[in-house]
PDB file of N, CA and C in Angstrom:
ATOM      1  N   MET A   1     110.428  54.042  89.349  1.00  0.00           N
ATOM      2  CA  MET A   1     108.994  54.254  89.272  1.00  0.00           C
ATOM      3  C   MET A   1     108.483  54.040  87.839  1.00  0.00           C
ATOM      4  N   GLU A   2     109.270  54.443  86.848  1.00  0.00           N
ATOM      5  CA  GLU A   2     108.829  54.269  85.463  1.00  0.00           C
ATOM      6  C   GLU A   2     108.676  52.800  85.113  1.00  0.00           C
ATOM      7  N   ASN A   3     109.589  51.964  85.608  1.00  0.00           N
ATOM      8  CA  ASN A   3     109.529  50.534  85.308  1.00  0.00           C
ATOM      9  C   ASN A   3     108.245  49.908  85.824  1.00  0.00           C
ATOM     10  N   SER A   4     107.862  50.240  87.048  1.00  0.00           N
ATOM     11  CA  SER A   4     106.651  49.646  87.614  1.00  0.00           C
ATOM     12  C   SER A   4     105.408  50.096  86.845  1.00  0.00           C
ATOM     13  N   ASN A   5     105.439  51.295  86.289  1.00  0.00           N
ATOM     14  CA  ASN A   5     104.305  51.766  85.497  1.00  0.00           C
ATOM     15  C   ASN A   5     104.312  51.173  84.095  1.00  0.00           C
ATOM     16  N   ARG A   6     105.487  50.871  83.565  1.00  0.00           N
ATOM     17  CA  ARG A   6     105.582  50.346  82.207  1.00  0.00           C
ATOM     18  C   ARG A   6     105.276  48.862  82.124  1.00  0.00           C
ATOM     19  N   LYS A   7     105.625  48.100  83.146  1.00  0.00           N
ATOM     20  CA  LYS A   7     105.510  46.643  83.077  1.00  0.00           C
ATOM     21  C   LYS A   7     104.076  46.150  82.837  1.00  0.00           C
ATOM     22  N   PRO A   8     103.080  46.593  83.591  1.00  0.00           N
ATOM     23  CA  PRO A   8     101.719  46.111  83.323  1.00  0.00           C
ATOM     24  C   PRO A   8     101.268  46.433  81.902  1.00  0.00           C
ATOM     25  N   GLY A   9     101.646  47.594  81.372  1.00  0.00           N
ATOM     26  CA  GLY A   9     101.299  47.942  80.007  1.00  0.00           C
ATOM     27  C   GLY A   9     101.920  46.968  79.023  1.00  0.00           C
ATOM     28  N   TRP A  10     103.165  46.595  79.266  1.00  0.00           N
ATOM     29  CA  TRP A  10     103.872  45.645  78.405  1.00  0.00           C
ATOM     30  C   TRP A  10     103.205  44.281  78.467  1.00  0.00           C
ATOM     31  N   ILE A  11     102.876  43.836  79.665  1.00  0.00           N
ATOM     32  CA  ILE A  11     102.212  42.536  79.832  1.00  0.00           C
ATOM     33  C   ILE A  11     100.857  42.562  79.126  1.00  0.00           C
ATOM     34  N   LYS A  12     100.135  43.650  79.280  1.00  0.00           N
ATOM     35  CA  LYS A  12      98.822  43.775  78.641  1.00  0.00           C
ATOM     36  C   LYS A  12      98.940  43.736  77.123  1.00  0.00           C
ATOM     37  N   ARG A  13      99.967  44.409  76.567  1.00  0.00           N
ATOM     38  CA  ARG A  13     100.166  44.401  75.118  1.00  0.00           C
ATOM     39  C   ARG A  13     100.512  43.009  74.613  1.00  0.00           C
ATOM     40  N   VAL A  14     101.388  42.312  75.327  1.00  0.00           N
ATOM     41  CA  VAL A  14     101.756  40.947  74.928  1.00  0.00           C
ATOM     42  C   VAL A  14     100.536  40.040  75.015  1.00  0.00           C
ATOM     43  N   TRP A  15      99.759  40.188  76.075  1.00  0.00           N
ATOM     44  CA  TRP A  15      98.560  39.358  76.248  1.00  0.00           C
ATOM     45  C   TRP A  15      97.579  39.609  75.112  1.00  0.00           C
ATOM     46  N   ARG A  16      97.363  40.875  74.744  1.00  0.00           N
ATOM     47  CA  ARG A  16      96.449  41.208  73.652  1.00  0.00           C
ATOM     48  C   ARG A  16      96.954  40.628  72.335  1.00  0.00           C
ATOM     49  N   TRP A  17      98.267  40.703  72.112  1.00  0.00           N
ATOM     50  CA  TRP A  17      98.868  40.155  70.889  1.00  0.00           C
ATOM     51  C   TRP A  17      98.714  38.638  70.868  1.00  0.00           C
ATOM     52  N   TRP A  18      98.926  38.015  72.023  1.00  0.00           N
ATOM     53  CA  TRP A  18      98.898  36.546  72.126  1.00  0.00           C
ATOM     54  C   TRP A  18      97.489  35.993  72.002  1.00  0.00           C
ATOM     55  N   ARG A  19      96.480  36.794  72.394  1.00  0.00           N
ATOM     56  CA  ARG A  19      95.099  36.307  72.440  1.00  0.00           C
ATOM     57  C   ARG A  19      94.444  36.155  71.065  1.00  0.00           C
ATOM     58  N   SER A  20      95.012  36.762  70.028  1.00  0.00           N
ATOM     59  CA  SER A  20      94.377  36.625  68.715  1.00  0.00           C
ATOM     60  C   SER A  20      94.430  35.161  68.285  1.00  0.00           C
ATOM     61  N   PRO A  21      93.379  34.640  67.658  1.00  0.00           N
ATOM     62  CA  PRO A  21      93.279  33.196  67.364  1.00  0.00           C
ATOM     63  C   PRO A  21      94.439  32.629  66.551  1.00  0.00           C
ATOM     64  N   SER A  22      94.909  33.365  65.542  1.00  0.00           N
ATOM     65  CA  SER A  22      95.999  32.827  64.721  1.00  0.00           C
ATOM     66  C   SER A  22      97.286  32.718  65.530  1.00  0.00           C
ATOM     67  N   ARG A  23      97.535  33.685  66.390  1.00  0.00           N
ATOM     68  CA  ARG A  23      98.755  33.656  67.196  1.00  0.00           C
ATOM     69  C   ARG A  23      98.650  32.591  68.284  1.00  0.00           C
ATOM     70  N   LEU A  24      97.431  32.368  68.778  1.00  0.00           N
ATOM     71  CA  LEU A  24      97.221  31.328  69.779  1.00  0.00           C
ATOM     72  C   LEU A  24      97.527  29.969  69.173  1.00  0.00           C
ATOM     73  N   ALA A  25      97.088  29.753  67.935  1.00  0.00           N
ATOM     74  CA  ALA A  25      97.371  28.492  67.246  1.00  0.00           C
ATOM     75  C   ALA A  25      98.869  28.347  66.997  1.00  0.00           C
ATOM     76  N   LEU A  26      99.526  29.429  66.588  1.00  0.00           N
ATOM     77  CA  LEU A  26     100.969  29.401  66.355  1.00  0.00           C
ATOM     78  C   LEU A  26     101.709  29.123  67.657  1.00  0.00           C
ATOM     79  N   GLY A  27     101.285  29.759  68.737  1.00  0.00           N
ATOM     80  CA  GLY A  27     101.910  29.538  70.033  1.00  0.00           C
ATOM     81  C   GLY A  27     101.747  28.104  70.505  1.00  0.00           C
ATOM     82  N   THR A  28     100.579  27.527  70.263  1.00  0.00           N
ATOM     83  CA  THR A  28     100.336  26.133  70.641  1.00  0.00           C
ATOM     84  C   THR A  28     101.252  25.204  69.858  1.00  0.00           C
ATOM     85  N   LEU A  29     101.377  25.443  68.548  1.00  0.00           N
ATOM     86  CA  LEU A  29     102.271  24.622  67.726  1.00  0.00           C
ATOM     87  C   LEU A  29     103.721  24.751  68.177  1.00  0.00           C
ATOM     88  N   LEU A  30     104.147  25.965  68.488  1.00  0.00           N
ATOM     89  CA  LEU A  30     105.519  26.173  68.948  1.00  0.00           C
ATOM     90  C   LEU A  30     105.768  25.463  70.274  1.00  0.00           C
ATOM     91  N   LEU A  31     104.806  25.544  71.177  1.00  0.00           N
ATOM     92  CA  LEU A  31     104.941  24.900  72.480  1.00  0.00           C
ATOM     93  C   LEU A  31     105.015  23.386  72.338  1.00  0.00           C
ATOM     94  N   ILE A  32     104.146  22.813  71.518  1.00  0.00           N
ATOM     95  CA  ILE A  32     104.161  21.366  71.290  1.00  0.00           C
ATOM     96  C   ILE A  32     105.472  20.951  70.628  1.00  0.00           C
ATOM     97  N   GLY A  33     105.934  21.743  69.657  1.00  0.00           N
ATOM     98  CA  GLY A  33     107.202  21.451  68.988  1.00  0.00           C
ATOM     99  C   GLY A  33     108.377  21.522  69.941  1.00  0.00           C
ATOM    100  N   PHE A  34     108.366  22.503  70.819  1.00  0.00           N
ATOM    101  CA  PHE A  34     109.444  22.667  71.796  1.00  0.00           C
ATOM    102  C   PHE A  34     109.480  21.485  72.760  1.00  0.00           C
ATOM    103  N   ILE A  35     108.334  21.109  73.295  1.00  0.00           N
ATOM    104  CA  ILE A  35     108.260  19.979  74.226  1.00  0.00           C
ATOM    105  C   ILE A  35     108.632  18.681  73.515  1.00  0.00           C
ATOM    106  N   GLY A  36     108.121  18.498  72.285  1.00  0.00           N
ATOM    107  CA  GLY A  36     108.463  17.308  71.501  1.00  0.00           C
ATOM    108  C   GLY A  36     109.950  17.242  71.204  1.00  0.00           C
ATOM    109  N   GLY A  37     110.555  18.379  70.914  1.00  0.00           N
ATOM    110  CA  GLY A  37     111.989  18.438  70.644  1.00  0.00           C
ATOM    111  C   GLY A  37     112.814  18.044  71.853  1.00  0.00           C
ATOM    112  N   ILE A  38     112.405  18.493  73.018  1.00  0.00           N
ATOM    113  CA  ILE A  38     113.120  18.136  74.250  1.00  0.00           C
ATOM    114  C   ILE A  38     113.021  16.632  74.495  1.00  0.00           C
ATOM    115  N   ILE A  39     111.841  16.064  74.309  1.00  0.00           N
ATOM    116  CA  ILE A  39     111.653  14.616  74.506  1.00  0.00           C
ATOM    117  C   ILE A  39     112.480  13.835  73.488  1.00  0.00           C
ATOM    118  N   PHE A  40     112.459  14.271  72.227  1.00  0.00           N
ATOM    119  CA  PHE A  40     113.213  13.610  71.160  1.00  0.00           C
ATOM    120  C   PHE A  40     114.713  13.691  71.427  1.00  0.00           C
ATOM    121  N   TRP A  41     115.189  14.879  71.806  1.00  0.00           N
ATOM    122  CA  TRP A  41     116.602  15.093  72.109  1.00  0.00           C
ATOM    123  C   TRP A  41     117.007  14.255  73.329  1.00  0.00           C
ATOM    124  N   GLY A  42     116.159  14.216  74.338  1.00  0.00           N
ATOM    125  CA  GLY A  42     116.436  13.437  75.547  1.00  0.00           C
ATOM    126  C   GLY A  42     116.495  11.946  75.260  1.00  0.00           C
ATOM    127  N   GLY A  43     115.756  11.488  74.272  1.00  0.00           N
ATOM    128  CA  GLY A  43     115.761  10.073  73.903  1.00  0.00           C
ATOM    129  C   GLY A  43     117.106   9.617  73.358  1.00  0.00           C
ATOM    130  N   PHE A  44     117.840  10.514  72.728  1.00  0.00           N
ATOM    131  CA  PHE A  44     119.145  10.165  72.163  1.00  0.00           C
ATOM    132  C   PHE A  44     120.280  10.371  73.150  1.00  0.00           C
ATOM    133  N   ASN A  45     119.984  10.958  74.278  1.00  0.00           N
ATOM    134  CA  ASN A  45     121.011  11.131  75.303  1.00  0.00           C
ATOM    135  C   ASN A  45     120.709  10.166  76.416  1.00  0.00           C
TER     136      ASN A  45
END
């Protein structure tokens, strides 16, 4: 029962942290870098 009550709070905290503009920009850069890295790595294999 504690887990089901804790999870939405955790998701809400992560969402609030992620929504700040600087973190959103950082997350976008990380996502683009991750996808670009996979494409680059796949090109050599």
